[in-house]
Amino acid sequence: MVKNKNVMANTILPGVNEVFIISRELIILRISVASIKIYL
């Protein structure tokens, strides 16, 4: 039972981490695009 939970955590956590990284990059991209528009 505990082993199954570990396997689930090992498969879910990398996915959550990846989504977090992607969303953070999108936010940074959006901020930089907004600042470029302000300068132009």
Protein backbone atom coordinates (compact mmCIF):
# COMPACT_ATOMS: atom_id res chain seq x y z
CA MET A 1 0.00 0.00 0.00
CA VAL A 2 2.74 2.44 0.97
CA LYS A 3 4.72 1.46 -2.13
CA ASN A 4 1.73 2.31 -4.35
CA LYS A 5 1.44 5.75 -2.73
CA ASN A 6 5.13 6.40 -3.38
CA VAL A 7 4.73 5.41 -7.03
CA MET A 8 1.74 7.75 -7.33
CA ALA A 9 3.65 10.60 -5.70
CA ASN A 10 6.61 9.99 -8.00
CA THR A 11 4.39 10.21 -11.08
CA ILE A 12 2.20 13.13 -9.94
CA LEU A 13 4.90 15.39 -8.45
CA PRO A 14 7.04 15.73 -11.60
CA GLY A 15 3.90 16.62 -13.56
CA VAL A 16 2.90 19.28 -11.04
CA ASN A 17 6.47 20.59 -11.00
CA GLU A 18 6.51 20.77 -14.81
CA VAL A 19 3.19 22.65 -14.88
CA PHE A 20 4.51 25.08 -12.24
CA ILE A 21 7.70 25.73 -14.25
CA ILE A 22 5.74 26.22 -17.49
CA SER A 23 3.26 28.62 -15.86
CA ARG A 24 6.11 30.59 -14.26
CA GLU A 25 7.83 30.89 -17.66
CA LEU A 26 4.56 32.03 -19.24
CA ILE A 27 4.15 34.72 -16.56
CA ILE A 28 7.73 35.94 -17.14
CA LEU A 29 7.10 35.95 -20.90
CA ARG A 30 3.88 37.94 -20.44
CA ILE A 31 5.62 40.50 -18.19
CA SER A 32 8.48 40.95 -20.67
CA VAL A 33 6.03 41.35 -23.57
CA ALA A 34 4.08 43.94 -21.56
CA SER A 35 7.27 45.87 -20.72
CA ILE A 36 8.36 45.79 -24.39
CA LYS A 37 4.96 47.24 -25.39
CA ILE A 38 5.39 49.99 -22.79
CA TYR A 39 8.82 50.90 -24.17
CA LEU A 40 7.51 50.92 -27.76
